[in-house]
Structure formats: C-alpha cells, structure tokens
Protein backbone atom coordinates (compact mmCIF):
# COMPACT_ATOMS: atom_id res chain seq x y z
CA UNK A 1 80.84 64.15 97.91
CA UNK A 2 82.59 63.73 101.25
CA UNK A 3 81.50 65.59 104.37
CA UNK A 4 83.60 68.76 104.86
CA UNK A 5 86.23 68.86 107.57
CA UNK A 6 85.71 70.88 110.75
CA UNK A 7 88.22 73.44 109.49
CA UNK A 8 86.51 73.74 106.09
CA UNK A 9 83.15 74.31 107.82
CA UNK A 10 84.64 76.89 110.17
CA UNK A 11 86.45 78.74 107.37
CA UNK A 12 83.28 78.96 105.25
CA UNK A 13 81.13 80.25 108.13
CA UNK A 14 79.41 83.63 107.96
CA UNK A 15 81.19 84.98 111.02
CA UNK A 16 79.79 88.16 112.59
CA UNK A 17 81.75 91.01 114.15
CA UNK A 18 81.98 90.34 117.88
CA UNK A 19 80.14 93.58 118.71
CA UNK A 20 77.04 92.08 116.99
CA UNK A 21 77.24 89.08 119.32
CA UNK A 22 77.68 91.40 122.30
CA UNK A 23 74.53 93.32 121.30
CA UNK A 24 72.48 90.12 121.61
CA UNK A 25 73.37 89.84 125.30
CA UNK A 26 73.23 93.57 126.07
CA UNK A 27 76.95 94.25 126.41
CA UNK A 28 77.88 97.83 125.51
CA UNK A 29 80.43 97.73 122.69
CA UNK A 30 82.51 100.34 124.53
CA UNK A 31 82.97 97.80 127.35
CA UNK A 32 84.44 95.17 125.04
CA UNK A 33 88.19 94.69 124.95
CA UNK A 34 88.78 93.66 121.34
CA UNK A 35 91.23 91.01 120.17
CA UNK A 36 90.63 91.55 116.48
CA UNK A 37 87.14 91.51 114.94
CA UNK A 38 85.91 88.19 116.27
CA UNK A 39 87.14 87.90 119.86
CA UNK A 40 86.75 90.16 122.87
CA UNK A 41 87.11 90.16 126.62
CA UNK A 42 84.20 91.06 128.92
CA UNK A 43 84.78 93.18 132.03
CA UNK A 44 83.88 91.62 135.38
CA UNK A 45 81.32 94.34 136.12
CA UNK A 46 78.73 92.40 134.08
CA UNK A 47 78.40 89.78 136.81
CA UNK A 48 75.00 90.18 138.49
CA UNK A 49 74.67 87.84 141.49
CA UNK A 50 70.85 88.00 141.53
CA UNK A 51 70.66 87.00 137.87
CA UNK A 52 73.22 84.26 138.53
CA UNK A 53 70.86 82.74 141.11
CA UNK A 54 67.83 82.92 138.80
CA UNK A 55 69.29 81.62 135.53
CA UNK A 56 69.49 77.93 134.60
CA UNK A 57 72.86 76.15 134.57
CA UNK A 58 73.04 73.06 132.33
CA UNK A 59 75.97 70.70 133.06
CA UNK A 60 77.17 68.48 130.19
CA UNK A 61 79.44 65.52 130.89
CA UNK A 62 79.93 62.05 129.42
CA UNK A 63 80.58 58.39 129.95
CA UNK A 64 84.20 57.20 130.10
CA UNK A 65 85.40 58.12 126.61
CA UNK A 66 87.08 56.18 123.88
CA UNK A 67 90.54 57.53 122.97
CA UNK A 68 88.89 59.77 120.34
CA UNK A 69 86.45 61.32 122.83
CA UNK A 70 82.66 61.29 122.63
CA UNK A 71 81.91 64.89 121.66
CA UNK A 72 80.99 66.74 124.86
CA UNK A 73 82.05 70.10 123.43
CA UNK A 74 80.21 69.42 120.17
CA UNK A 75 77.04 68.48 122.06
CA UNK A 76 77.41 71.50 124.36
CA UNK A 77 77.70 73.90 121.42
CA UNK A 78 74.87 72.15 119.57
CA UNK A 79 72.65 72.28 122.66
CA UNK A 80 73.28 76.02 122.98
CA UNK A 81 72.21 76.44 119.34
CA UNK A 82 69.23 74.15 119.89
CA UNK A 83 68.05 76.13 122.92
CA UNK A 84 68.22 79.33 120.88
CA UNK A 85 66.30 77.59 118.07
CA UNK A 86 63.39 76.94 120.46
CA UNK A 87 63.36 80.54 121.63
CA UNK A 88 65.50 80.43 124.75
CA UNK A 89 68.20 83.00 125.47
CA UNK A 90 71.16 80.67 125.89
CA UNK A 91 74.93 80.66 125.62
CA UNK A 92 77.69 78.10 125.89
CA UNK A 93 80.39 78.64 128.53
CA UNK A 94 83.33 76.34 127.82
CA UNK A 95 87.04 75.84 128.42
CA UNK A 96 89.85 77.04 126.19
CA UNK A 97 91.79 74.32 124.29
CA UNK A 98 95.34 73.41 125.27
CA UNK A 99 98.04 73.22 122.61
CA UNK A 100 99.14 69.85 124.04
CA UNK A 101 96.09 67.89 122.81
CA UNK A 102 95.68 70.10 119.72
CA UNK A 103 99.09 69.01 118.39
CA UNK A 104 98.93 65.63 120.11
CA UNK A 105 95.73 63.61 119.75
CA UNK A 106 92.72 65.84 119.15
CA UNK A 107 93.94 68.21 116.48
CA UNK A 108 91.50 70.79 117.84
CA UNK A 109 88.93 71.27 120.58
CA UNK A 110 86.35 73.83 119.48
CA UNK A 111 83.50 71.42 118.77
CA UNK A 112 83.01 69.78 115.40
CA UNK A 113 80.95 69.60 112.24
CA UNK A 114 78.14 72.17 112.33
CA UNK A 115 78.40 72.63 116.10
CA UNK A 116 81.54 74.68 116.58
CA UNK A 117 82.70 77.84 118.26
CA UNK A 118 84.54 80.24 115.98
CA UNK A 119 87.04 81.62 114.97
CA UNK A 120 88.17 78.01 115.22
CA UNK A 121 91.83 78.47 114.27
CA UNK A 122 92.34 81.35 116.72
CA UNK A 123 90.61 79.46 119.52
CA UNK A 124 92.75 76.36 119.00
CA UNK A 125 96.01 78.26 118.80
CA UNK A 126 97.00 81.25 120.97
CA UNK A 127 93.48 82.74 121.28
CA UNK A 128 93.67 85.80 123.58
CA UNK A 129 96.90 84.80 125.31
CA UNK A 130 95.39 83.51 128.55
CA UNK A 131 97.49 80.33 128.59
CA UNK A 132 100.65 82.35 127.93
CA UNK A 133 99.83 84.65 130.86
CA UNK A 134 99.27 81.64 133.12
CA UNK A 135 102.62 80.17 132.07
CA UNK A 136 104.38 83.47 132.76
CA UNK A 137 102.78 83.87 136.19
CA UNK A 138 103.63 80.27 137.10
CA UNK A 139 107.21 80.54 135.89
CA UNK A 140 107.71 83.93 137.52
CA UNK A 141 107.11 82.26 140.88
CA UNK A 142 109.57 79.49 139.91
CA UNK A 143 112.20 82.09 139.03
CA UNK A 144 111.58 83.99 142.30
CA UNK A 145 112.01 80.77 144.31
CA UNK A 146 115.35 79.95 142.70
CA UNK A 147 116.47 83.57 142.99
CA UNK A 148 115.74 83.50 146.72
CA UNK A 149 117.81 80.35 147.14
CA UNK A 150 120.67 82.01 145.22
CA UNK A 151 120.42 85.33 147.11
CA UNK A 152 121.96 84.66 150.53
CA UNK A 153 121.48 88.24 151.79
CA UNK A 154 117.66 88.14 151.57
CA UNK A 155 117.20 84.37 151.68
CA UNK A 156 114.18 82.75 153.36
CA UNK A 157 116.44 79.73 153.96
CA UNK A 158 114.36 77.51 151.64
CA UNK A 159 115.44 73.89 151.54
CA UNK A 160 115.72 73.12 147.79
CA UNK A 161 114.93 69.47 148.42
CA UNK A 162 111.42 70.36 149.61
CA UNK A 163 110.31 72.59 146.73
CA UNK A 164 107.11 71.29 145.13
CA UNK A 165 106.52 74.14 142.67
CA UNK A 166 107.20 73.14 139.06
CA UNK A 167 107.56 75.10 135.88
CA UNK A 168 104.94 74.71 133.14
CA UNK A 169 104.55 74.88 129.38
CA UNK A 170 101.52 74.27 127.18
CA UNK A 171 102.82 71.33 125.19
CA UNK A 172 102.97 67.56 125.58
CA UNK A 173 106.66 66.96 126.29
CA UNK A 174 107.45 63.90 128.42
CA UNK A 175 111.18 64.72 128.41
CA UNK A 176 110.55 67.63 130.77
CA UNK A 177 108.80 65.65 133.51
CA UNK A 178 112.00 65.32 135.51
CA UNK A 179 114.99 67.60 134.93
CA UNK A 180 117.98 69.04 136.78
CA UNK A 181 118.40 72.82 136.87
CA UNK A 182 121.07 75.19 138.15
CA UNK A 183 124.02 73.57 136.40
CA UNK A 184 126.90 75.69 135.12
CA UNK A 185 128.55 77.02 138.26
CA UNK A 186 127.65 79.32 141.13
CA UNK A 187 126.46 82.15 138.87
CA UNK A 188 123.81 79.90 137.33
CA UNK A 189 121.95 78.96 140.51
CA UNK A 190 121.81 76.05 142.92
CA UNK A 191 121.53 72.62 141.25
CA UNK A 192 118.37 70.74 142.17
CA UNK A 193 115.83 68.37 140.67
CA UNK A 194 112.86 70.05 139.04
CA UNK A 195 110.32 69.34 136.32
CA UNK A 196 107.54 70.69 134.13
CA UNK A 197 103.78 70.19 134.24
CA UNK A 198 101.54 71.01 131.29
CA UNK A 199 99.95 74.44 131.69
CA UNK A 200 96.37 73.16 132.25
CA UNK A 201 97.71 71.24 135.29
CA UNK A 202 99.24 74.36 136.85
CA UNK A 203 97.82 75.58 140.14
CA UNK A 204 97.78 79.04 138.58
CA UNK A 205 95.28 77.72 136.02
CA UNK A 206 93.24 76.21 138.85
CA UNK A 207 93.37 79.49 140.79
CA UNK A 208 92.24 81.48 137.75
CA UNK A 209 89.30 79.11 137.44
CA UNK A 210 88.37 79.25 141.13
CA UNK A 211 88.75 83.00 141.69
CA UNK A 212 85.75 85.31 142.09
CA UNK A 213 87.52 88.63 141.41
CA UNK A 214 90.94 90.32 141.33
CA UNK A 215 91.30 90.46 145.12
CA UNK A 216 90.38 86.81 145.49
CA UNK A 217 92.84 85.97 142.70
CA UNK A 218 95.69 87.75 144.50
CA UNK A 219 94.88 86.13 147.85
CA UNK A 220 94.77 82.66 146.32
CA UNK A 221 98.08 83.22 144.53
CA UNK A 222 99.62 84.24 147.85
CA UNK A 223 98.42 80.97 149.41
CA UNK A 224 100.40 78.79 146.96
CA UNK A 225 102.60 76.40 148.96
CA UNK A 226 106.22 76.40 147.78
CA UNK A 227 108.13 74.14 150.19
CA UNK A 228 109.88 74.28 153.58
CA UNK A 229 112.77 76.12 155.12
CA UNK A 230 115.69 74.14 156.52
CA UNK A 231 114.05 74.43 159.95
CA UNK A 232 110.76 72.97 158.57
CA UNK A 233 108.69 76.13 158.39
CA UNK A 234 106.26 76.22 155.44
CA UNK A 235 106.94 78.77 152.70
CA UNK A 236 104.12 80.29 150.63
CA UNK A 237 104.18 82.57 147.58
CA UNK A 238 103.17 85.47 149.84
CA UNK A 239 106.39 84.97 151.86
CA UNK A 240 108.29 85.65 148.63
CA UNK A 241 106.08 88.70 147.91
CA UNK A 242 105.23 87.10 144.55
CA UNK A 243 101.43 87.26 144.49
CA UNK A 244 101.00 90.86 143.32
CA UNK A 245 103.39 90.48 140.38
CA UNK A 246 101.73 87.19 139.42
CA UNK A 247 98.31 88.84 139.54
CA UNK A 248 99.58 91.68 137.35
CA UNK A 249 100.52 89.13 134.68
CA UNK A 250 96.98 87.73 134.93
CA UNK A 251 95.26 91.13 134.75
CA UNK A 252 93.74 90.46 131.32
CA UNK A 253 93.58 86.67 131.57
CA UNK A 254 91.08 86.90 134.43
CA UNK A 255 88.48 88.45 132.10
CA UNK A 256 86.29 85.97 130.15
CA UNK A 257 86.51 85.68 126.36
CA UNK A 258 83.46 86.23 124.14
CA UNK A 259 83.19 84.37 120.80
CA UNK A 260 80.29 82.85 118.83
CA UNK A 261 78.92 79.58 117.56
CA UNK A 262 78.59 78.85 113.84
CA UNK A 263 74.94 79.95 114.18
CA UNK A 264 75.88 83.31 115.67
CA UNK A 265 74.97 82.54 119.26
CA UNK A 266 77.17 83.85 122.09
CA UNK A 267 79.79 81.65 123.70
CA UNK A 268 82.33 82.31 126.43
CA UNK A 269 85.62 80.38 126.53
CA UNK A 270 87.70 80.87 129.64
CA UNK A 271 90.22 78.70 131.51
CA UNK A 272 91.29 75.25 130.48
CA UNK A 273 92.21 72.76 133.21
CA UNK A 274 92.19 69.04 132.29
CA UNK A 275 89.69 66.90 134.18
CA UNK A 276 91.99 63.91 134.64
CA UNK A 277 94.82 65.87 136.31
CA UNK A 278 93.01 69.05 137.42
CA UNK A 279 89.42 70.16 138.11
CA UNK A 280 88.35 70.18 134.44
CA UNK A 281 85.91 73.09 134.42
CA UNK A 282 85.94 76.64 133.10
CA UNK A 283 86.23 79.63 135.43
CA UNK A 284 83.72 80.62 138.08
CA UNK A 285 83.92 84.14 136.64
CA UNK A 286 82.95 82.91 133.15
CA UNK A 287 80.05 80.83 134.43
CA UNK A 288 78.72 83.74 136.50
CA UNK A 289 79.13 86.10 133.55
CA UNK A 290 77.14 83.74 131.32
CA UNK A 291 74.39 83.32 133.91
CA UNK A 292 74.24 87.11 134.27
CA UNK A 293 73.77 87.64 130.54
CA UNK A 294 71.50 84.72 129.52
CA UNK A 295 68.66 82.63 130.91
CA UNK A 296 70.32 79.30 130.10
CA UNK A 297 74.04 78.51 130.28
CA UNK A 298 75.39 75.26 128.83
CA UNK A 299 78.71 74.30 130.39
CA UNK A 300 80.82 71.17 130.12
CA UNK A 301 82.93 69.21 132.59
CA UNK A 302 85.92 67.44 131.10
CA UNK A 303 86.30 63.74 130.24
CA UNK A 304 83.91 61.28 131.89
CA UNK A 305 81.37 62.24 134.53
CA UNK A 306 83.45 60.31 137.09
CA UNK A 307 86.10 63.03 136.68
CA UNK A 308 84.88 66.36 135.32
CA UNK A 309 81.31 66.31 136.60
CA UNK A 310 82.25 64.95 140.03
CA UNK A 311 84.82 67.74 140.40
CA UNK A 312 82.46 70.38 139.01
CA UNK A 313 79.95 69.44 141.69
CA UNK A 314 82.22 68.86 144.69
CA UNK A 315 84.76 71.62 143.97
CA UNK A 316 83.32 74.35 141.74
CA UNK A 317 79.77 74.21 143.11
CA UNK A 318 81.16 74.06 146.66
CA UNK A 319 83.03 77.35 146.23
CA UNK A 320 80.68 79.20 143.87
CA UNK A 321 77.34 78.03 145.26
CA UNK A 322 76.14 76.69 141.91
CA UNK A 323 73.41 74.06 141.55
CA UNK A 324 72.87 72.70 138.03
CA UNK A 325 69.25 72.87 136.95
CA UNK A 326 69.79 70.01 134.50
CA UNK A 327 72.48 67.51 133.61
CA UNK A 328 73.29 65.89 130.27
CA UNK A 329 75.39 62.73 129.94
CA UNK A 330 76.83 62.29 126.45
CA UNK A 331 77.30 58.81 125.08
CA UNK A 332 77.92 57.29 121.67
CA UNK A 333 77.16 53.92 120.15
CA UNK A 334 80.87 53.76 119.34
CA UNK A 335 81.75 54.09 123.04
CA UNK A 336 79.26 51.38 123.98
CA UNK A 337 81.01 49.04 121.55
CA UNK A 338 84.39 50.02 123.03
CA UNK A 339 83.28 49.38 126.61
CA UNK A 340 81.66 46.14 125.48
CA UNK A 341 85.00 44.78 124.34
CA UNK A 342 85.03 45.56 120.60
CA UNK A 343 88.56 45.33 119.27
CA UNK A 344 90.62 48.37 118.29
CA UNK A 345 89.91 49.30 114.68
CA UNK A 346 86.34 47.98 114.78
CA UNK A 347 84.66 50.65 116.94
CA UNK A 348 82.94 52.05 113.84
CA UNK A 349 81.34 48.72 112.90
CA UNK A 350 77.85 47.79 114.18
CA UNK A 351 78.19 45.33 117.07
CA UNK A 352 74.97 44.81 118.99
CA UNK A 353 76.44 42.29 121.42
CA UNK A 354 79.24 44.68 122.39
CA UNK A 355 76.70 47.50 122.92
CA UNK A 356 74.67 45.22 125.23
CA UNK A 357 77.77 44.72 127.39
CA UNK A 358 79.12 48.25 127.10
CA UNK A 359 75.95 49.96 128.24
CA UNK A 360 76.86 49.04 131.81
CA UNK A 361 79.32 51.96 131.76
CA UNK A 362 76.51 54.39 130.92
CA UNK A 363 74.25 52.85 133.55
CA UNK A 364 76.86 53.39 136.25
CA UNK A 365 77.16 57.10 135.38
CA UNK A 366 73.38 57.51 135.40
CA UNK A 367 73.15 55.80 138.79
CA UNK A 368 75.93 58.00 140.16
CA UNK A 369 74.12 61.22 139.39
CA UNK A 370 70.83 59.92 140.72
CA UNK A 371 72.75 59.55 144.03
CA UNK A 372 73.71 63.21 143.73
CA UNK A 373 70.04 64.16 143.26
CA UNK A 374 70.55 64.98 139.59
CA UNK A 375 68.39 63.07 137.11
CA UNK A 376 70.30 63.22 133.81
CA UNK A 377 69.16 63.43 130.22
CA UNK A 378 71.23 61.12 128.00
CA UNK A 379 72.40 62.53 124.67
CA UNK A 380 73.34 59.90 122.09
CA UNK A 381 75.86 61.75 119.92
CA UNK A 382 74.97 60.40 116.49
CA UNK A 383 77.44 58.92 114.00
CA UNK A 384 76.64 57.61 110.51
CA UNK A 385 77.85 54.12 111.50
CA UNK A 386 75.23 53.75 114.27
CA UNK A 387 72.61 51.10 113.61
CA UNK A 388 68.93 51.61 114.47
CA UNK A 389 69.06 48.44 116.57
CA UNK A 390 71.92 49.79 118.70
CA UNK A 391 70.30 53.21 119.15
CA UNK A 392 66.95 51.63 120.03
CA UNK A 393 68.57 49.41 122.63
CA UNK A 394 70.29 52.34 124.37
CA UNK A 395 67.03 54.28 124.44
CA UNK A 396 65.08 51.35 125.89
CA UNK A 397 67.68 50.63 128.57
CA UNK A 398 67.68 54.29 129.61
CA UNK A 399 63.89 54.22 129.79
CA UNK A 400 64.14 51.28 132.19
CA UNK A 401 66.35 53.44 134.42
CA UNK A 402 63.76 56.21 134.31
CA UNK A 403 65.77 58.59 132.14
CA UNK A 404 65.25 59.92 128.65
CA UNK A 405 67.80 59.21 125.90
CA UNK A 406 67.66 61.47 122.84
CA UNK A 407 69.57 61.33 119.57
CA UNK A 408 71.83 64.36 119.14
CA UNK A 409 72.42 65.30 115.48
CA UNK A 410 74.38 68.50 116.04
CA UNK A 411 77.41 67.43 114.01
CA UNK A 412 75.56 67.25 110.69
CA UNK A 413 72.56 69.51 111.42
CA UNK A 414 73.70 72.09 113.97
CA UNK A 415 70.94 73.51 116.17
CA UNK A 416 68.21 71.97 113.99
CA UNK A 417 69.42 68.53 115.08
CA UNK A 418 69.25 69.46 118.78
CA UNK A 419 65.74 70.85 119.29
CA UNK A 420 64.37 67.63 120.80
CA UNK A 421 67.24 67.51 123.29
CA UNK A 422 66.80 71.23 123.99
CA UNK A 423 63.11 70.79 124.81
CA UNK A 424 63.89 67.92 127.20
CA UNK A 425 66.68 69.88 128.89
CA UNK A 426 64.26 72.76 129.48
CA UNK A 427 61.76 70.25 130.86
CA UNK A 428 64.47 68.82 133.13
CA UNK A 429 65.46 72.27 134.38
CA UNK A 430 61.86 73.20 135.16
CA UNK A 431 60.25 69.93 136.24
CA UNK A 432 62.79 67.25 137.27
CA UNK A 433 63.30 68.75 140.72
CA UNK A 434 67.09 68.46 140.50
CA UNK A 435 68.67 69.47 143.82
CA UNK A 436 72.36 68.57 143.90
CA UNK A 437 73.53 67.14 147.22
CA UNK A 438 77.25 66.38 147.74
CA UNK A 439 78.36 62.85 148.56
CA UNK A 440 80.84 63.97 151.20
CA UNK A 441 81.32 66.76 153.71
CA UNK A 442 84.52 68.75 153.18
CA UNK A 443 85.11 68.49 156.95
CA UNK A 444 85.40 64.69 156.74
CA UNK A 445 88.83 63.11 157.02
CA UNK A 446 90.81 63.13 153.76
CA UNK A 447 90.81 59.35 153.63
CA UNK A 448 87.02 59.25 154.09
CA UNK A 449 86.42 61.74 151.28
CA UNK A 450 88.62 59.75 148.91
CA UNK A 451 87.00 56.46 149.85
CA UNK A 452 83.54 57.95 149.30
CA UNK A 453 84.41 59.03 145.75
CA UNK A 454 86.15 55.71 145.01
CA UNK A 455 83.30 53.57 146.27
CA UNK A 456 80.27 55.64 145.25
CA UNK A 457 81.44 57.10 141.93
CA UNK A 458 84.00 54.58 140.65
CA UNK A 459 82.45 51.44 142.15
CA UNK A 460 85.69 50.43 143.92
CA UNK A 461 85.85 48.13 146.92
CA UNK A 462 88.31 50.40 148.71
CA UNK A 463 91.45 52.51 148.53
CA UNK A 464 95.11 51.56 148.98
CA UNK A 465 97.51 54.31 150.08
CA UNK A 466 101.20 53.89 149.27
CA UNK A 467 103.91 54.72 151.82
CA UNK A 468 104.59 57.94 149.89
CA UNK A 469 100.89 58.83 149.96
CA UNK A 470 100.75 58.29 153.72
CA UNK A 471 103.75 60.56 154.22
CA UNK A 472 102.12 63.19 152.00
CA UNK A 473 98.91 62.89 154.02
CA UNK A 474 100.79 63.79 157.18
CA UNK A 475 102.01 66.99 155.49
CA UNK A 476 98.44 67.87 154.46
CA UNK A 477 97.20 67.44 158.02
CA UNK A 478 100.18 69.30 159.50
CA UNK A 479 99.52 72.28 157.20
CA UNK A 480 95.83 72.32 158.13
CA UNK A 481 94.69 71.65 154.56
CA UNK A 482 92.66 68.54 155.30
CA UNK A 483 89.27 70.32 155.14
CA UNK A 484 89.58 71.01 151.42
CA UNK A 485 87.61 69.22 148.66
CA UNK A 486 89.21 66.36 146.72
CA UNK A 487 90.45 66.61 143.12
CA UNK A 488 91.27 63.08 141.97
CA UNK A 489 93.97 62.69 139.30
CA UNK A 490 92.94 59.53 137.46
CA UNK A 491 92.79 58.03 133.99
CA UNK A 492 89.72 59.09 132.03
CA UNK A 493 89.51 55.80 130.14
CA UNK A 494 88.15 53.72 133.00
CA UNK A 495 86.00 54.08 136.09
CA UNK A 496 88.98 52.52 137.88
CA UNK A 497 92.58 53.77 138.02
CA UNK A 498 93.59 51.15 135.42
CA UNK A 499 92.75 52.21 131.85
CA UNK A 500 92.53 48.56 130.79
CA UNK A 501 89.46 48.00 133.00
CA UNK A 502 86.80 49.19 130.58
CA UNK A 503 83.03 48.91 130.93
CA UNK A 504 81.83 48.73 134.51
CA UNK A 505 84.66 47.10 136.46
CA UNK A 506 84.01 45.50 139.85
CA UNK A 507 86.14 43.92 142.55
CA UNK A 508 88.95 46.46 142.36
CA UNK A 509 90.65 48.94 144.65
CA UNK A 510 92.10 52.28 143.61
CA UNK A 511 95.71 53.04 144.44
CA UNK A 512 96.77 56.46 145.68
CA UNK A 513 100.41 56.76 144.63
CA UNK A 514 101.06 60.18 146.15
CA UNK A 515 99.41 63.50 146.95
CA UNK A 516 99.77 67.01 145.68
CA UNK A 517 97.71 69.88 146.98
CA UNK A 518 96.64 73.27 145.71
CA UNK A 519 96.42 75.45 148.81
CA UNK A 520 95.67 78.52 146.71
CA UNK A 521 93.06 76.94 144.45
CA UNK A 522 91.60 75.11 147.42
CA UNK A 523 91.74 71.35 146.87
CA UNK A 524 93.72 68.19 147.61
CA UNK A 525 95.02 66.11 144.68
CA UNK A 526 95.35 62.34 145.19
CA UNK A 527 97.30 60.94 142.24
CA UNK A 528 96.01 57.50 141.30
CA UNK A 529 97.86 54.78 139.46
CA UNK A 530 100.23 55.93 136.72
CA UNK A 531 98.78 59.40 136.11
CA UNK A 532 101.27 62.01 134.86
CA UNK A 533 100.82 65.79 135.00
CA UNK A 534 102.94 66.24 131.87
CA UNK A 535 101.54 64.10 129.03
CA UNK A 536 103.58 62.81 126.10
CA UNK A 537 102.84 62.93 122.39
CA UNK A 538 101.34 59.84 120.69
CA UNK A 539 103.32 57.81 118.16
CA UNK A 540 101.81 59.83 115.32
CA UNK A 541 100.94 63.29 116.68
CA UNK A 542 98.17 65.34 115.06
CA UNK A 543 100.81 67.94 114.17
CA UNK A 544 102.08 65.67 111.37
CA UNK A 545 98.84 66.18 109.45
CA UNK A 546 98.90 69.98 109.61
CA UNK A 547 100.24 72.48 107.11
CA UNK A 548 100.31 76.19 106.30
CA UNK A 549 100.61 77.63 102.78
CA UNK A 550 102.38 80.73 101.46
CA UNK A 551 99.33 82.88 102.22
CA UNK A 552 99.09 81.68 105.82
CA UNK A 553 96.12 79.37 105.26
CA UNK A 554 96.12 76.42 107.66
CA UNK A 555 95.00 72.87 106.89
CA UNK A 556 94.75 69.76 109.06
CA UNK A 557 93.55 71.53 112.20
CA UNK A 558 90.28 69.89 113.22
C-alpha cells in the first residue's frame, strides 16, 4: 500500500475547532476573530513584552536547497509537535504560502506527511485574505500615483520616468514583469513603463512583517519612496496622503492567524515574503504573539541559511530585538547528493561519493552560524531512499565540527519521530550559550555591509557593482537611507549568485546588478545576478496535476 499524499493525510485528520486550540494557550474565545471553524485571528493585545523576552525562540533554516526543497516547514511543524510530546509548551510560527509556488513548483507549502498545519487546503489557497489585502493596499498606492500624474490641478509634479513603485499580484506571471500602462488616450492616463512584482516581494508585505503595531504600520507605509518630482524632490506615500487608506485595507491583515498542527498543537501563520527576493520571515507581531503565549516558539527562515536566516538575524532581530535561543539547520541526504554533483533524476539513488563532496555545503552553513555565535543543531530530514552509510557519514562529519546531527522522522511519524531532536533543541536553548552577534554594523557603508555578507556568508572573494548599481547607490546615499540593514536578492540554489555553482564554490565574486530599497520596511535590496522579483511558471506547473470534483473536493494539492 502506497504512502498517502499530503492532502489525503490532511483531509483525514481529526481537526479540532479553533477555540479548542485557543484554550490551550489561554486565549479567550470571545477575543478570537473567526474565519470559519478552523481559522481565527488573534488581537494584538495578547503581546506581552516581558514574556517575549523570557520565552525561547528556535530558528529553523536549511542548507542551499535542491529544486524540490529540503523540508524546513515540515521539520518546523514536526519539531513543534516533538517539543509538545516531551512536555514543553510550544507552537510553530510560520509564513503563509504564496499562490505563485503553490500553482507553480511546490503544489503546497503547509508542511508534509504527518507534520502539517491544517486546514491545509484553506492555508494553501486564500486563507484569511491577508495576501489579497496586501495586494489591494499596494495597488491602491499605484492607482493614487497615476491619478496624481493625471490630475493637473492637485499634481505633485511627479516625473513618471522616476517612479519605482510597481503593482503586484500573487501569481507567477513573467509576462507582467515589464508592461506599458496608460494607453488609450488622455482619459486613460499618462503612458509610461511599469511592471508587476509577485505579492510576497511587495514592500507592503515587508512592512506588514516589520511592523510592531497599527501606528508603526501607518508610519512605515507613509515612508514608502515613490519617485521624484521634475525638480528632483523625493516623493513618498505620505506626500500623496496614501498611508491611512493603505493601513485601513490592512486592518485585519495585521492580526496573526491561529491554526493547528495535525496533532492539535497551536500554530500561527502570518506574512509570507520570499527569502530570495525579500526578507523571508514571518511578521514581528506573529513571533511576539507566539512568544507571549508559549514557552518555545519554532520559526523558520526561508530557503537556505545564507538567505532567510541571515536576513532573519540582521534585519528582523535588528528591529525586534530578538535573539534565537537555538538554531536548527535542515539538510537531507538527497541535497548532499545534489551538491556533490549527482545528475538530475538520480538524487533519490544512494551515492556515497556524491554525499562526501556535497557535505561541504552543509559545513559552510554550520561555520557561518558559529561566526554569528549560534551553534546549530543539524536535522537530517529523513527519506526512505537514504542509506545508513550516507546518514552515518553526515553524523560523523557534523561531530567533527562539534555539532550534533539528528535524524528527523517527522514526515512518517509526526511528533513521535522528532523527540530526539526536540530534546537536543531544548538542550541547545538552555546550555549552548548561544548569543547572536551581527557580522556588520548598520552604520557601516553600504558597500562594506554587502561585502561582509558576500565574503563571510557566501564565501565570495569580493563584490562587483555594475554602473547601474553605482548610480542606484548614489540615490540611496542622497536620500539618507545608507544606514539601513541589507536584504540581498539572490538565487537560493547556490551560495554564490550563480545557481550553477553548487556545493561550496570558491574563487568567485558576486555581482550587484542594481539596487532597490524599502524605505518603509527599513532595508536596502541589492539585486544579484539574474534575480527577478516576478517569477515565471515552470514548464509543467503544479496546477496541471490539480482537480476539483462536482462536490468541491480538491485533489493534487500537496
């Protein structure tokens, strides 16, 4: 009998009413804002700053992933269940899935096997409408900008050629990267070049994730940079009086979403920026809410630790004052084969020689976080095709580096397969002496901050700035934004900016093509190599394998 699909497991789960989950973490059911029986929003009043400081934050990241991913969300959910199995009051605090990857490559992003957050279909589709609210707030500002250009009586004299604000939609659609708007005559606006980003790459998403409360949200929205006037004066969203209306659209989206794991443990899903083109972490509000309600919070940082975890530490921790008590780096035998040069189509076949080469990628990530004063625990996300020889080798090599590697069996066993990892994570939080220290000072020059990340985290020899990047840098300095943290936009498939350089590349430089900046969210975005902020669909998108029957039952979502 074949192993059930993620969707089959989720649909057969004994799901509890969300008020039962809320009871476990002492939330009054009258405070819940219900979205059906299994989802609810939590009011911000449950944030308790003293409890936030005293609870344990567990950061889960990974090595550079194979195209299929290595299971960070699955491990995060399983670890939450494992911690509860050993008697700890724990919850998972994760990001919301984007429809782009759901219908593109992943087919779903709510964990997998017996380590999922549910209701899985709702979570993977429109959930509580947060992404829609972010799109509307983003596109409201876009409409206000074009309306101001059209309206000569109340015009701010914006130069259309300088506008950097793009529209967004939550779908992979490469055809919208570069478009022309305003065609059709004078009544239809002023023609200009524009484009779309995917919603997780929107600065509004970033602002939602970085905001502490409603007032902070509104202030950050007002600080969004739009472009210049014809006489070179900067224009911000506040100059267009847009921030209040945008915040109104985000009134409900700012509140974190409560759901549950398959084992009935609490989980919060809130915000969903990608880690390769944005900061890749859930909201500060969600993390603080989780820390206020539980003793242990398991949170993930997107893609490899060179992206999500680095940004979590240098951006989110910088603004929120977080310090992870423990860090988990997820790896798989499959990924070690991939980074060791195994050919496409053979990643599932035992290949000890490839694992011996590929482990250099894991070693680099471990070394990186030692530099940041975080001694990681390595979780080997277990697959049936792993050989004992390969697993034993990874464990022994980790032991040589002074770190513990533990087999994670959450996919097939749920929390029961994660108790060993849970015990070691508790040990790490209490006894490792983790004390995160940033690699750079935000007051350093922009170039210095970028070079520090490139050399220390990626292993690069240096950084090359294009002519466009140098021109963009001048704008950043002129606007006084140079003291912000760095949010690198880079491929997740390699430590370098070239996805073909797998393993642990050396002797390379990273190339900064151009800069964007998020004045409201509070970071500078160097765009490396060929990174795009609007992805495209693969040759065979996951959507082709999905269906819905006459009764509304969905298949193929996993």
